Amino acid sequence: MSKLKDRIEEINKTVQKSRRINNILWVVVIVFVGTSIYFAIDAEISKEKAITKEEEALAARDSLKLLEEDLQGEKNKLEEFKKKYDVLVEEKLATNDDLWQYTVEANTFEAYMDYINVKGEEGISEHEDELNTKLNSFLNRTGFVQFQESSSNVLFEPMPFGDRDDLFTPKSARSVRKGVIGVDNSYGRNGDVILEGQIVQVVEYIESGNSKWAKIRYSNS
């Protein structure tokens, strides 16, 4: 009888031990499954967020591309309009017998420059005295610009104008200075800029090392 009791107790201990092991295994399984589910859900959420961000980035890129296309289209229209406008103005000016009268009535530096550009030497010779007088009145500002670089590259082109040889136009926009660099103590910019094609009068040439500067008269209108 005692042996049977001991056997039963041994079996009960074994069963209890098996149950504990089984419970532990179930806990491990539950934790493992729960962790797997958590990471799976987190990965899906991250994936959805990444897809959403990618879709937003693609949408923004498409919108920007459409905007660039619209801007380019408007730019092309503006350039086409400008070309047609320039051609129309040139045709009107070239065929206008009253161009000189119009220029005199406008009485601006730009109007006289337009007349000179359209009519050329013929127009200049026809009204040379009046044009000289007007140019001298409009060239009411003085300053200094570099005329020739030390490499001998000349930065201005002569402007044919009757018998005058003191009129030039810059090959590119040039800042006007208060003095000559390397010669004058005060040579900072005076705030004016002469543009490519603008007529200036060279009053005096000044050497500065291997470069050449010029004192000019110009219009800031």
N, C-alpha and C. Protein backbone atom coordinates (compact mmCIF):
# COMPACT_ATOMS: atom_id res chain seq x y z
N MET A 1 0.84 -1.20 0.00
CA MET A 1 0.00 0.00 0.00
C MET A 1 0.87 1.24 0.00
N SER A 2 1.90 1.21 0.77
CA SER A 2 2.82 2.34 0.86
C SER A 2 3.49 2.59 -0.47
N LYS A 3 3.82 1.52 -1.17
CA LYS A 3 4.46 1.68 -2.47
C LYS A 3 3.52 2.31 -3.46
N LEU A 4 2.27 1.95 -3.39
CA LEU A 4 1.27 2.53 -4.30
C LEU A 4 1.10 4.01 -4.05
N LYS A 5 1.10 4.35 -2.75
CA LYS A 5 0.95 5.77 -2.39
C LYS A 5 2.14 6.57 -2.90
N ASP A 6 3.35 5.99 -2.70
CA ASP A 6 4.54 6.69 -3.18
C ASP A 6 4.50 6.84 -4.70
N ARG A 7 4.00 5.84 -5.36
CA ARG A 7 3.92 5.89 -6.82
C ARG A 7 2.95 6.96 -7.29
N ILE A 8 1.83 7.04 -6.55
CA ILE A 8 0.82 8.06 -6.90
C ILE A 8 1.40 9.46 -6.70
N GLU A 9 2.10 9.66 -5.56
CA GLU A 9 2.71 10.97 -5.29
C GLU A 9 3.74 11.32 -6.35
N GLU A 10 4.51 10.31 -6.75
CA GLU A 10 5.53 10.52 -7.79
C GLU A 10 4.88 10.93 -9.10
N ILE A 11 3.77 10.23 -9.41
CA ILE A 11 3.04 10.57 -10.65
C ILE A 11 2.49 11.98 -10.56
N ASN A 12 1.94 12.33 -9.38
CA ASN A 12 1.38 13.69 -9.20
C ASN A 12 2.47 14.76 -9.37
N LYS A 13 3.65 14.47 -8.79
CA LYS A 13 4.76 15.42 -8.95
C LYS A 13 5.14 15.57 -10.41
N THR A 14 5.15 14.43 -11.11
CA THR A 14 5.52 14.47 -12.53
C THR A 14 4.49 15.26 -13.32
N VAL A 15 3.20 15.02 -12.99
CA VAL A 15 2.13 15.75 -13.69
C VAL A 15 2.23 17.25 -13.42
N GLN A 16 2.47 17.59 -12.11
CA GLN A 16 2.59 19.02 -11.76
C GLN A 16 3.78 19.66 -12.48
N LYS A 17 4.87 18.91 -12.54
CA LYS A 17 6.06 19.43 -13.23
C LYS A 17 5.77 19.63 -14.71
N SER A 18 5.07 18.65 -15.30
CA SER A 18 4.70 18.75 -16.72
C SER A 18 3.79 19.94 -16.95
N ARG A 19 2.86 20.15 -15.98
CA ARG A 19 1.95 21.29 -16.12
C ARG A 19 2.72 22.62 -16.06
N ARG A 20 3.69 22.68 -15.12
CA ARG A 20 4.48 23.91 -15.02
C ARG A 20 5.27 24.17 -16.30
N ILE A 21 5.88 23.07 -16.78
CA ILE A 21 6.64 23.21 -18.04
C ILE A 21 5.71 23.62 -19.17
N ASN A 22 4.54 22.98 -19.19
CA ASN A 22 3.57 23.31 -20.24
C ASN A 22 3.11 24.76 -20.15
N ASN A 23 2.87 25.20 -18.89
CA ASN A 23 2.45 26.60 -18.69
C ASN A 23 3.54 27.57 -19.15
N ILE A 24 4.78 27.22 -18.78
CA ILE A 24 5.91 28.08 -19.18
C ILE A 24 6.00 28.13 -20.71
N LEU A 25 5.85 26.94 -21.33
CA LEU A 25 5.91 26.89 -22.79
C LEU A 25 4.80 27.73 -23.41
N TRP A 26 3.60 27.64 -22.80
CA TRP A 26 2.49 28.44 -23.34
C TRP A 26 2.77 29.95 -23.19
N VAL A 27 3.34 30.30 -22.04
CA VAL A 27 3.69 31.72 -21.85
C VAL A 27 4.70 32.16 -22.90
N VAL A 28 5.71 31.30 -23.13
CA VAL A 28 6.73 31.63 -24.14
C VAL A 28 6.09 31.76 -25.51
N VAL A 29 5.19 30.81 -25.80
CA VAL A 29 4.51 30.85 -27.10
C VAL A 29 3.68 32.12 -27.23
N ILE A 30 2.94 32.45 -26.16
CA ILE A 30 2.09 33.66 -26.19
C ILE A 30 2.95 34.92 -26.38
N VAL A 31 4.06 34.98 -25.62
CA VAL A 31 4.96 36.14 -25.75
C VAL A 31 5.54 36.21 -27.15
N PHE A 32 5.95 35.07 -27.66
CA PHE A 32 6.54 35.03 -29.00
C PHE A 32 5.52 35.45 -30.05
N VAL A 33 4.32 34.88 -29.93
CA VAL A 33 3.25 35.23 -30.89
C VAL A 33 2.89 36.70 -30.76
N GLY A 34 2.78 37.16 -29.51
CA GLY A 34 2.43 38.58 -29.30
C GLY A 34 3.49 39.50 -29.87
N THR A 35 4.76 39.14 -29.61
CA THR A 35 5.87 39.96 -30.15
C THR A 35 5.85 39.95 -31.68
N SER A 36 5.61 38.79 -32.24
CA SER A 36 5.56 38.68 -33.70
C SER A 36 4.44 39.53 -34.27
N ILE A 37 3.27 39.45 -33.61
CA ILE A 37 2.14 40.25 -34.07
C ILE A 37 2.45 41.74 -33.96
N TYR A 38 3.09 42.14 -32.83
CA TYR A 38 3.43 43.55 -32.63
C TYR A 38 4.37 44.07 -33.72
N PHE A 39 5.44 43.28 -33.96
CA PHE A 39 6.40 43.71 -34.97
C PHE A 39 5.79 43.68 -36.37
N ALA A 40 4.89 42.72 -36.60
CA ALA A 40 4.22 42.66 -37.90
C ALA A 40 3.34 43.89 -38.11
N ILE A 41 2.60 44.25 -37.05
CA ILE A 41 1.74 45.44 -37.13
C ILE A 41 2.58 46.70 -37.29
N ASP A 42 3.67 46.78 -36.49
CA ASP A 42 4.56 47.96 -36.58
C ASP A 42 5.18 48.07 -37.97
N ALA A 43 5.59 46.92 -38.52
CA ALA A 43 6.17 46.93 -39.87
C ALA A 43 5.14 47.36 -40.90
N GLU A 44 3.91 46.93 -40.74
CA GLU A 44 2.85 47.31 -41.68
C GLU A 44 2.54 48.79 -41.59
N ILE A 45 2.52 49.29 -40.33
CA ILE A 45 2.28 50.73 -40.14
C ILE A 45 3.41 51.54 -40.76
N SER A 46 4.66 51.11 -40.51
CA SER A 46 5.82 51.81 -41.09
C SER A 46 5.77 51.76 -42.61
N LYS A 47 5.36 50.60 -43.13
CA LYS A 47 5.25 50.45 -44.58
C LYS A 47 4.20 51.41 -45.15
N GLU A 48 3.06 51.48 -44.45
CA GLU A 48 1.98 52.39 -44.90
C GLU A 48 2.44 53.84 -44.83
N LYS A 49 3.19 54.18 -43.73
CA LYS A 49 3.70 55.55 -43.61
C LYS A 49 4.68 55.85 -44.74
N ALA A 50 5.55 54.87 -45.02
CA ALA A 50 6.54 55.07 -46.09
C ALA A 50 5.85 55.23 -47.43
N ILE A 51 4.81 54.41 -47.66
CA ILE A 51 4.06 54.52 -48.92
C ILE A 51 3.38 55.86 -49.01
N THR A 52 2.79 56.31 -47.87
CA THR A 52 2.11 57.61 -47.85
C THR A 52 3.10 58.74 -48.14
N LYS A 53 4.27 58.71 -47.49
CA LYS A 53 5.28 59.75 -47.72
C LYS A 53 5.77 59.73 -49.17
N GLU A 54 5.95 58.52 -49.70
CA GLU A 54 6.40 58.40 -51.09
C GLU A 54 5.34 58.96 -52.03
N GLU A 55 4.06 58.64 -51.74
CA GLU A 55 2.98 59.16 -52.57
C GLU A 55 2.91 60.68 -52.49
N GLU A 56 3.10 61.22 -51.25
CA GLU A 56 3.09 62.67 -51.08
C GLU A 56 4.25 63.30 -51.83
N ALA A 57 5.44 62.66 -51.76
CA ALA A 57 6.61 63.19 -52.47
C ALA A 57 6.39 63.17 -53.97
N LEU A 58 5.79 62.08 -54.47
CA LEU A 58 5.52 61.98 -55.91
C LEU A 58 4.49 63.02 -56.33
N ALA A 59 3.47 63.22 -55.48
CA ALA A 59 2.45 64.22 -55.80
C ALA A 59 3.06 65.62 -55.83
N ALA A 60 3.94 65.91 -54.83
CA ALA A 60 4.60 67.22 -54.79
C ALA A 60 5.49 67.41 -56.01
N ARG A 61 6.21 66.33 -56.39
CA ARG A 61 7.07 66.42 -57.57
C ARG A 61 6.26 66.67 -58.83
N ASP A 62 5.14 65.98 -58.94
CA ASP A 62 4.27 66.18 -60.11
C ASP A 62 3.72 67.60 -60.15
N SER A 63 3.32 68.12 -58.97
CA SER A 63 2.80 69.49 -58.91
C SER A 63 3.87 70.49 -59.31
N LEU A 64 5.10 70.27 -58.80
CA LEU A 64 6.20 71.17 -59.14
C LEU A 64 6.51 71.11 -60.63
N LYS A 65 6.46 69.91 -61.19
CA LYS A 65 6.72 69.75 -62.62
C LYS A 65 5.68 70.49 -63.44
N LEU A 66 4.41 70.37 -63.03
CA LEU A 66 3.34 71.08 -63.74
C LEU A 66 3.52 72.59 -63.63
N LEU A 67 3.93 73.05 -62.43
CA LEU A 67 4.16 74.48 -62.23
C LEU A 67 5.30 74.97 -63.12
N GLU A 68 6.39 74.18 -63.19
CA GLU A 68 7.51 74.55 -64.05
C GLU A 68 7.09 74.60 -65.51
N GLU A 69 6.26 73.65 -65.92
CA GLU A 69 5.78 73.64 -67.30
C GLU A 69 4.92 74.87 -67.58
N ASP A 70 4.08 75.24 -66.60
CA ASP A 70 3.24 76.43 -66.77
C ASP A 70 4.11 77.69 -66.87
N LEU A 71 5.12 77.78 -65.99
CA LEU A 71 6.00 78.95 -66.01
C LEU A 71 6.77 79.03 -67.32
N GLN A 72 7.25 77.87 -67.78
CA GLN A 72 7.99 77.84 -69.05
C GLN A 72 7.09 78.26 -70.19
N GLY A 73 5.82 77.81 -70.13
CA GLY A 73 4.87 78.19 -71.17
C GLY A 73 4.62 79.69 -71.19
N GLU A 74 4.47 80.28 -70.00
CA GLU A 74 4.26 81.73 -69.91
C GLU A 74 5.51 82.48 -70.37
N LYS A 75 6.69 81.94 -70.03
CA LYS A 75 7.94 82.57 -70.46
C LYS A 75 8.06 82.54 -71.97
N ASN A 76 7.71 81.40 -72.58
CA ASN A 76 7.76 81.29 -74.03
C ASN A 76 6.80 82.27 -74.69
N LYS A 77 5.60 82.41 -74.11
CA LYS A 77 4.63 83.36 -74.65
C LYS A 77 5.16 84.79 -74.56
N LEU A 78 5.78 85.10 -73.40
CA LEU A 78 6.32 86.45 -73.22
C LEU A 78 7.44 86.73 -74.21
N GLU A 79 8.33 85.75 -74.40
CA GLU A 79 9.43 85.93 -75.35
C GLU A 79 8.90 86.08 -76.77
N GLU A 80 7.89 85.29 -77.12
CA GLU A 80 7.30 85.39 -78.46
C GLU A 80 6.64 86.75 -78.66
N PHE A 81 5.93 87.22 -77.62
CA PHE A 81 5.30 88.53 -77.69
C PHE A 81 6.34 89.63 -77.85
N LYS A 82 7.45 89.51 -77.08
CA LYS A 82 8.50 90.52 -77.15
C LYS A 82 9.11 90.57 -78.54
N LYS A 83 9.35 89.38 -79.14
CA LYS A 83 9.90 89.35 -80.49
C LYS A 83 8.98 90.06 -81.48
N LYS A 84 7.68 89.74 -81.40
CA LYS A 84 6.71 90.37 -82.31
C LYS A 84 6.64 91.87 -82.07
N TYR A 85 6.71 92.26 -80.77
CA TYR A 85 6.65 93.68 -80.43
C TYR A 85 7.88 94.42 -80.97
N ASP A 86 9.06 93.81 -80.77
CA ASP A 86 10.29 94.45 -81.26
C ASP A 86 10.28 94.60 -82.78
N VAL A 87 9.80 93.57 -83.47
CA VAL A 87 9.72 93.64 -84.93
C VAL A 87 8.74 94.73 -85.35
N LEU A 88 7.61 94.80 -84.67
CA LEU A 88 6.60 95.80 -85.01
C LEU A 88 7.13 97.21 -84.78
N VAL A 89 7.80 97.41 -83.63
CA VAL A 89 8.35 98.74 -83.34
C VAL A 89 9.41 99.12 -84.36
N GLU A 90 10.28 98.18 -84.69
CA GLU A 90 11.33 98.47 -85.67
C GLU A 90 10.74 98.81 -87.03
N GLU A 91 9.71 98.08 -87.45
CA GLU A 91 9.06 98.36 -88.73
C GLU A 91 8.41 99.74 -88.72
N LYS A 92 7.74 100.04 -87.63
CA LYS A 92 7.06 101.34 -87.54
C LYS A 92 8.06 102.48 -87.56
N LEU A 93 9.15 102.30 -86.78
CA LEU A 93 10.14 103.37 -86.71
C LEU A 93 10.86 103.55 -88.04
N ALA A 94 11.19 102.42 -88.67
CA ALA A 94 11.94 102.48 -89.92
C ALA A 94 11.13 103.12 -91.05
N THR A 95 9.82 102.97 -91.01
CA THR A 95 8.97 103.51 -92.09
C THR A 95 8.30 104.82 -91.71
N ASN A 96 8.58 105.30 -90.52
CA ASN A 96 7.93 106.52 -90.06
C ASN A 96 8.70 107.74 -90.55
N ASP A 97 8.09 108.51 -91.46
CA ASP A 97 8.75 109.71 -92.00
C ASP A 97 8.84 110.80 -90.95
N ASP A 98 8.01 110.70 -89.90
CA ASP A 98 8.00 111.74 -88.87
C ASP A 98 8.80 111.30 -87.64
N LEU A 99 9.73 110.36 -87.82
CA LEU A 99 10.48 109.82 -86.69
C LEU A 99 11.27 110.91 -85.98
N TRP A 100 11.89 111.80 -86.73
CA TRP A 100 12.66 112.86 -86.11
C TRP A 100 11.75 113.78 -85.29
N GLN A 101 10.57 114.11 -85.85
CA GLN A 101 9.63 114.95 -85.14
C GLN A 101 9.17 114.28 -83.85
N TYR A 102 8.90 112.98 -83.96
CA TYR A 102 8.50 112.22 -82.78
C TYR A 102 9.62 112.24 -81.73
N THR A 103 10.86 112.07 -82.16
CA THR A 103 12.00 112.06 -81.25
C THR A 103 12.14 113.39 -80.53
N VAL A 104 12.01 114.47 -81.30
CA VAL A 104 12.11 115.81 -80.71
C VAL A 104 11.01 116.04 -79.69
N GLU A 105 9.79 115.61 -80.03
CA GLU A 105 8.66 115.80 -79.12
C GLU A 105 8.83 114.95 -77.86
N ALA A 106 9.34 113.73 -78.01
CA ALA A 106 9.57 112.88 -76.83
C ALA A 106 10.67 113.47 -75.95
N ASN A 107 11.74 113.96 -76.60
CA ASN A 107 12.81 114.69 -75.93
C ASN A 107 13.38 113.92 -74.73
N THR A 108 13.67 112.63 -74.96
CA THR A 108 14.32 111.82 -73.93
C THR A 108 15.58 111.20 -74.52
N PHE A 109 16.49 110.82 -73.63
CA PHE A 109 17.73 110.20 -74.07
C PHE A 109 17.44 108.92 -74.84
N GLU A 110 16.46 108.12 -74.34
CA GLU A 110 16.11 106.87 -75.01
C GLU A 110 15.56 107.11 -76.40
N ALA A 111 14.75 108.16 -76.56
CA ALA A 111 14.17 108.46 -77.86
C ALA A 111 15.25 108.80 -78.88
N TYR A 112 16.24 109.58 -78.48
CA TYR A 112 17.33 109.93 -79.39
C TYR A 112 18.20 108.70 -79.70
N MET A 113 18.38 107.83 -78.70
CA MET A 113 19.14 106.61 -78.94
C MET A 113 18.40 105.70 -79.94
N ASP A 114 17.07 105.62 -79.79
CA ASP A 114 16.27 104.83 -80.72
C ASP A 114 16.39 105.39 -82.14
N TYR A 115 16.35 106.70 -82.24
CA TYR A 115 16.47 107.34 -83.55
C TYR A 115 17.83 107.01 -84.19
N ILE A 116 18.89 107.10 -83.39
CA ILE A 116 20.24 106.81 -83.90
C ILE A 116 20.35 105.35 -84.32
N ASN A 117 19.80 104.45 -83.50
CA ASN A 117 19.89 103.02 -83.81
C ASN A 117 19.10 102.65 -85.06
N VAL A 118 17.95 103.32 -85.26
CA VAL A 118 17.10 103.00 -86.41
C VAL A 118 17.64 103.64 -87.68
N LYS A 119 17.98 104.91 -87.62
CA LYS A 119 18.38 105.65 -88.82
C LYS A 119 19.85 105.50 -89.16
N GLY A 120 20.68 105.19 -88.16
CA GLY A 120 22.10 104.98 -88.43
C GLY A 120 22.81 106.26 -88.86
N GLU A 121 23.88 106.10 -89.63
CA GLU A 121 24.71 107.25 -90.03
C GLU A 121 23.94 108.26 -90.86
N GLU A 122 23.01 107.76 -91.67
CA GLU A 122 22.21 108.69 -92.50
C GLU A 122 21.41 109.64 -91.62
N GLY A 123 20.76 109.08 -90.60
CA GLY A 123 19.98 109.91 -89.69
C GLY A 123 20.85 110.85 -88.89
N ILE A 124 22.04 110.38 -88.51
CA ILE A 124 22.96 111.23 -87.74
C ILE A 124 23.43 112.42 -88.58
N SER A 125 23.84 112.15 -89.82
CA SER A 125 24.34 113.22 -90.68
C SER A 125 23.24 114.23 -91.00
N GLU A 126 22.00 113.75 -91.05
CA GLU A 126 20.88 114.65 -91.38
C GLU A 126 20.60 115.64 -90.27
N HIS A 127 20.81 115.22 -89.01
CA HIS A 127 20.52 116.10 -87.87
C HIS A 127 21.71 116.11 -86.90
N GLU A 128 22.91 116.18 -87.44
CA GLU A 128 24.10 116.03 -86.61
C GLU A 128 24.23 117.13 -85.57
N ASP A 129 24.00 118.36 -85.94
CA ASP A 129 24.16 119.47 -84.99
C ASP A 129 23.17 119.34 -83.83
N GLU A 130 21.90 119.07 -84.20
CA GLU A 130 20.88 118.95 -83.15
C GLU A 130 21.18 117.76 -82.23
N LEU A 131 21.62 116.65 -82.84
CA LEU A 131 21.93 115.46 -82.04
C LEU A 131 23.11 115.71 -81.11
N ASN A 132 24.13 116.41 -81.59
CA ASN A 132 25.27 116.74 -80.74
C ASN A 132 24.83 117.58 -79.55
N THR A 133 24.00 118.57 -79.82
CA THR A 133 23.51 119.45 -78.75
C THR A 133 22.72 118.65 -77.72
N LYS A 134 21.85 117.79 -78.22
CA LYS A 134 21.03 117.00 -77.31
C LYS A 134 21.86 116.00 -76.51
N LEU A 135 22.80 115.34 -77.19
CA LEU A 135 23.66 114.38 -76.49
C LEU A 135 24.43 115.06 -75.37
N ASN A 136 25.00 116.21 -75.67
CA ASN A 136 25.76 116.94 -74.66
C ASN A 136 24.90 117.34 -73.48
N SER A 137 23.63 117.63 -73.75
CA SER A 137 22.73 118.03 -72.65
C SER A 137 22.32 116.82 -71.81
N PHE A 138 22.19 115.66 -72.46
CA PHE A 138 21.78 114.47 -71.72
C PHE A 138 22.95 113.82 -70.98
N LEU A 139 24.16 113.96 -71.50
CA LEU A 139 25.33 113.38 -70.84
C LEU A 139 25.74 114.28 -69.68
N ASN A 140 24.93 114.24 -68.63
CA ASN A 140 25.06 115.21 -67.55
C ASN A 140 25.69 114.64 -66.29
N ARG A 141 26.21 113.40 -66.36
CA ARG A 141 26.85 112.79 -65.21
C ARG A 141 28.30 112.48 -65.56
N THR A 142 29.17 112.54 -64.57
CA THR A 142 30.58 112.20 -64.81
C THR A 142 31.02 111.12 -63.82
N GLY A 143 31.97 110.32 -64.26
CA GLY A 143 32.49 109.26 -63.41
C GLY A 143 33.68 108.59 -64.08
N PHE A 144 34.14 107.49 -63.50
CA PHE A 144 35.32 106.81 -64.02
C PHE A 144 35.00 105.32 -64.23
N VAL A 145 35.48 104.78 -65.34
CA VAL A 145 35.31 103.36 -65.64
C VAL A 145 36.62 102.81 -66.20
N GLN A 146 36.82 101.51 -66.02
CA GLN A 146 37.99 100.88 -66.63
C GLN A 146 37.72 100.74 -68.12
N PHE A 147 38.63 101.27 -68.91
CA PHE A 147 38.46 101.28 -70.37
C PHE A 147 39.18 100.10 -71.02
N GLN A 148 40.33 99.74 -70.45
CA GLN A 148 41.13 98.64 -71.02
C GLN A 148 41.78 97.86 -69.89
N GLU A 149 41.70 96.52 -69.96
CA GLU A 149 42.30 95.68 -68.95
C GLU A 149 43.82 95.58 -69.14
N SER A 150 44.50 95.08 -68.10
CA SER A 150 45.96 94.95 -68.18
C SER A 150 46.38 93.95 -69.25
N SER A 151 45.44 93.08 -69.67
CA SER A 151 45.73 92.12 -70.74
C SER A 151 45.56 92.73 -72.13
N SER A 152 45.31 94.04 -72.18
CA SER A 152 45.10 94.81 -73.42
C SER A 152 43.70 94.60 -74.01
N ASN A 153 42.84 93.91 -73.28
CA ASN A 153 41.46 93.72 -73.74
C ASN A 153 40.68 95.02 -73.54
N VAL A 154 40.21 95.62 -74.65
CA VAL A 154 39.47 96.88 -74.59
C VAL A 154 38.00 96.58 -74.27
N LEU A 155 37.46 97.28 -73.29
CA LEU A 155 36.12 97.00 -72.79
C LEU A 155 35.04 97.84 -73.46
N PHE A 156 35.43 98.72 -74.38
CA PHE A 156 34.48 99.61 -75.05
C PHE A 156 34.66 99.52 -76.56
N GLU A 157 33.59 99.87 -77.27
CA GLU A 157 33.64 99.94 -78.73
C GLU A 157 33.34 101.38 -79.16
N PRO A 158 34.01 101.87 -80.20
CA PRO A 158 33.72 103.24 -80.67
C PRO A 158 32.31 103.32 -81.24
N MET A 159 31.70 104.47 -81.01
CA MET A 159 30.35 104.72 -81.52
C MET A 159 30.45 105.70 -82.68
N PRO A 160 30.28 105.23 -83.93
CA PRO A 160 30.37 106.14 -85.08
C PRO A 160 29.32 107.26 -84.96
N PHE A 161 29.78 108.48 -85.02
CA PHE A 161 28.86 109.60 -84.87
C PHE A 161 29.47 110.82 -85.57
N GLY A 162 29.24 110.93 -86.86
CA GLY A 162 29.78 112.06 -87.61
C GLY A 162 31.29 112.12 -87.51
N ASP A 163 31.79 113.30 -87.19
CA ASP A 163 33.23 113.51 -87.07
C ASP A 163 33.76 113.26 -85.66
N ARG A 164 32.89 112.92 -84.74
CA ARG A 164 33.32 112.75 -83.35
C ARG A 164 34.01 111.40 -83.16
N ASP A 165 35.05 111.41 -82.32
CA ASP A 165 35.75 110.17 -82.00
C ASP A 165 35.82 109.95 -80.49
N ASP A 166 34.96 110.65 -79.73
CA ASP A 166 34.99 110.54 -78.27
C ASP A 166 33.79 109.78 -77.71
N LEU A 167 32.99 109.20 -78.59
CA LEU A 167 31.80 108.48 -78.13
C LEU A 167 32.04 106.97 -78.22
N PHE A 168 31.66 106.26 -77.16
CA PHE A 168 31.88 104.82 -77.08
C PHE A 168 30.67 104.15 -76.43
N THR A 169 30.60 102.85 -76.59
CA THR A 169 29.58 102.04 -75.91
C THR A 169 30.29 100.86 -75.23
N PRO A 170 29.91 100.52 -74.00
CA PRO A 170 30.54 99.39 -73.32
C PRO A 170 30.10 98.05 -73.93
N LYS A 171 31.02 97.10 -73.95
CA LYS A 171 30.69 95.78 -74.47
C LYS A 171 29.82 94.99 -73.49
N SER A 172 29.84 95.39 -72.23
CA SER A 172 28.99 94.79 -71.20
C SER A 172 28.74 95.86 -70.13
N ALA A 173 27.80 95.60 -69.25
CA ALA A 173 27.47 96.58 -68.20
C ALA A 173 28.70 96.87 -67.34
N ARG A 174 28.90 98.15 -67.02
CA ARG A 174 30.06 98.56 -66.23
C ARG A 174 29.61 99.44 -65.08
N SER A 175 30.18 99.20 -63.89
CA SER A 175 29.90 100.06 -62.74
C SER A 175 30.73 101.33 -62.85
N VAL A 176 30.11 102.45 -62.53
CA VAL A 176 30.81 103.74 -62.57
C VAL A 176 31.39 104.01 -61.18
N ARG A 177 32.63 104.47 -61.16
CA ARG A 177 33.32 104.72 -59.88
C ARG A 177 33.61 106.20 -59.68
N LYS A 178 33.95 106.52 -58.43
CA LYS A 178 34.24 107.91 -58.08
C LYS A 178 35.66 108.30 -58.46
N GLY A 179 36.53 107.33 -58.65
CA GLY A 179 37.92 107.59 -59.00
C GLY A 179 38.52 106.37 -59.66
N VAL A 180 39.82 106.41 -59.89
CA VAL A 180 40.54 105.33 -60.58
C VAL A 180 41.24 104.46 -59.54
N ILE A 181 41.03 103.16 -59.62
CA ILE A 181 41.70 102.23 -58.71
C ILE A 181 43.21 102.26 -58.97
N GLY A 182 43.98 102.45 -57.92
CA GLY A 182 45.42 102.51 -58.04
C GLY A 182 45.94 103.92 -58.24
N VAL A 183 45.04 104.86 -58.43
CA VAL A 183 45.45 106.26 -58.63
C VAL A 183 44.83 107.16 -57.58
N ASP A 184 43.52 107.05 -57.40
CA ASP A 184 42.80 107.92 -56.47
C ASP A 184 42.54 107.18 -55.15
N ASN A 185 42.52 107.96 -54.06
CA ASN A 185 42.22 107.38 -52.75
C ASN A 185 40.75 106.96 -52.66
N SER A 186 39.90 107.73 -53.29
CA SER A 186 38.47 107.43 -53.29
C SER A 186 38.09 106.89 -54.66
N TYR A 187 37.83 105.60 -54.72
CA TYR A 187 37.49 105.00 -56.02
C TYR A 187 36.28 104.06 -55.92
N GLY A 188 35.50 104.22 -54.87
CA GLY A 188 34.32 103.37 -54.70
C GLY A 188 33.27 103.63 -55.78
N ARG A 189 32.33 102.71 -55.90
CA ARG A 189 31.25 102.86 -56.88
C ARG A 189 30.36 104.03 -56.49
N ASN A 190 29.90 104.77 -57.50
CA ASN A 190 29.01 105.89 -57.20
C ASN A 190 27.53 105.52 -57.30
N GLY A 191 27.25 104.24 -57.56
CA GLY A 191 25.87 103.77 -57.59
C GLY A 191 25.27 103.66 -58.97
N ASP A 192 25.94 104.22 -60.00
CA ASP A 192 25.41 104.16 -61.37
C ASP A 192 26.04 103.00 -62.14
N VAL A 193 25.30 102.53 -63.12
CA VAL A 193 25.78 101.47 -64.01
C VAL A 193 25.47 101.87 -65.44
N ILE A 194 26.46 101.78 -66.32
CA ILE A 194 26.20 102.02 -67.74
C ILE A 194 26.02 100.66 -68.40
N LEU A 195 25.02 100.58 -69.26
CA LEU A 195 24.62 99.31 -69.85
C LEU A 195 25.27 99.08 -71.21
N GLU A 196 25.27 97.83 -71.62
CA GLU A 196 25.79 97.49 -72.94
C GLU A 196 25.01 98.25 -74.01
N GLY A 197 25.74 98.91 -74.91
CA GLY A 197 25.11 99.68 -75.98
C GLY A 197 24.82 101.13 -75.62
N GLN A 198 24.97 101.50 -74.34
CA GLN A 198 24.72 102.88 -73.93
C GLN A 198 25.86 103.79 -74.37
N ILE A 199 25.52 104.96 -74.87
CA ILE A 199 26.53 105.90 -75.35
C ILE A 199 27.14 106.68 -74.19
N VAL A 200 28.48 106.73 -74.16
CA VAL A 200 29.19 107.56 -73.19
C VAL A 200 30.23 108.38 -73.94
N GLN A 201 30.59 109.49 -73.35
CA GLN A 201 31.63 110.34 -73.92
C GLN A 201 32.89 110.22 -73.07
N VAL A 202 34.01 109.88 -73.71
CA VAL A 202 35.28 109.80 -73.00
C VAL A 202 35.90 111.20 -72.97
N VAL A 203 36.06 111.70 -71.76
CA VAL A 203 36.61 113.04 -71.57
C VAL A 203 38.13 112.99 -71.41
N GLU A 204 38.62 111.93 -70.74
CA GLU A 204 40.05 111.85 -70.44
C GLU A 204 40.43 110.38 -70.22
N TYR A 205 41.63 110.00 -70.65
CA TYR A 205 42.17 108.67 -70.39
C TYR A 205 43.18 108.76 -69.25
N ILE A 206 43.17 107.77 -68.35
CA ILE A 206 44.09 107.74 -67.22
C ILE A 206 44.77 106.38 -67.17
N GLU A 207 46.10 106.36 -67.10
CA GLU A 207 46.84 105.11 -66.99
C GLU A 207 46.89 104.68 -65.53
N SER A 208 46.69 103.37 -65.30
CA SER A 208 46.79 102.81 -63.96
C SER A 208 47.49 101.46 -64.07
N GLY A 209 48.81 101.47 -63.86
CA GLY A 209 49.58 100.26 -64.07
C GLY A 209 49.56 99.89 -65.55
N ASN A 210 49.20 98.65 -65.84
CA ASN A 210 49.10 98.21 -67.23
C ASN A 210 47.69 98.37 -67.80
N SER A 211 46.78 98.88 -67.00
CA SER A 211 45.40 99.07 -67.47
C SER A 211 45.16 100.54 -67.78
N LYS A 212 44.04 100.78 -68.45
CA LYS A 212 43.69 102.15 -68.82
C LYS A 212 42.26 102.42 -68.34
N TRP A 213 42.09 103.60 -67.74
CA TRP A 213 40.78 104.03 -67.27
C TRP A 213 40.35 105.26 -68.06
N ALA A 214 39.08 105.62 -67.92
CA ALA A 214 38.58 106.78 -68.63
C ALA A 214 37.62 107.56 -67.74
N LYS A 215 37.75 108.86 -67.81
CA LYS A 215 36.73 109.73 -67.21
C LYS A 215 35.67 109.93 -68.26
N ILE A 216 34.42 109.67 -67.91
CA ILE A 216 33.35 109.71 -68.91
C ILE A 216 32.22 110.64 -68.49
N ARG A 217 31.49 111.06 -69.49
CA ARG A 217 30.19 111.72 -69.29
C ARG A 217 29.14 110.75 -69.77
N TYR A 218 28.06 110.66 -69.04
CA TYR A 218 27.02 109.69 -69.40
C TYR A 218 25.67 110.18 -68.87
N SER A 219 24.62 109.50 -69.31
CA SER A 219 23.28 109.83 -68.85
C SER A 219 22.80 108.75 -67.90
N ASN A 220 22.17 109.13 -66.79
CA ASN A 220 21.62 108.15 -65.88
C ASN A 220 20.10 108.12 -65.96
N SER A 221 19.55 108.69 -67.02
CA SER A 221 18.08 108.73 -67.18
C SER A 221 17.60 107.42 -67.75
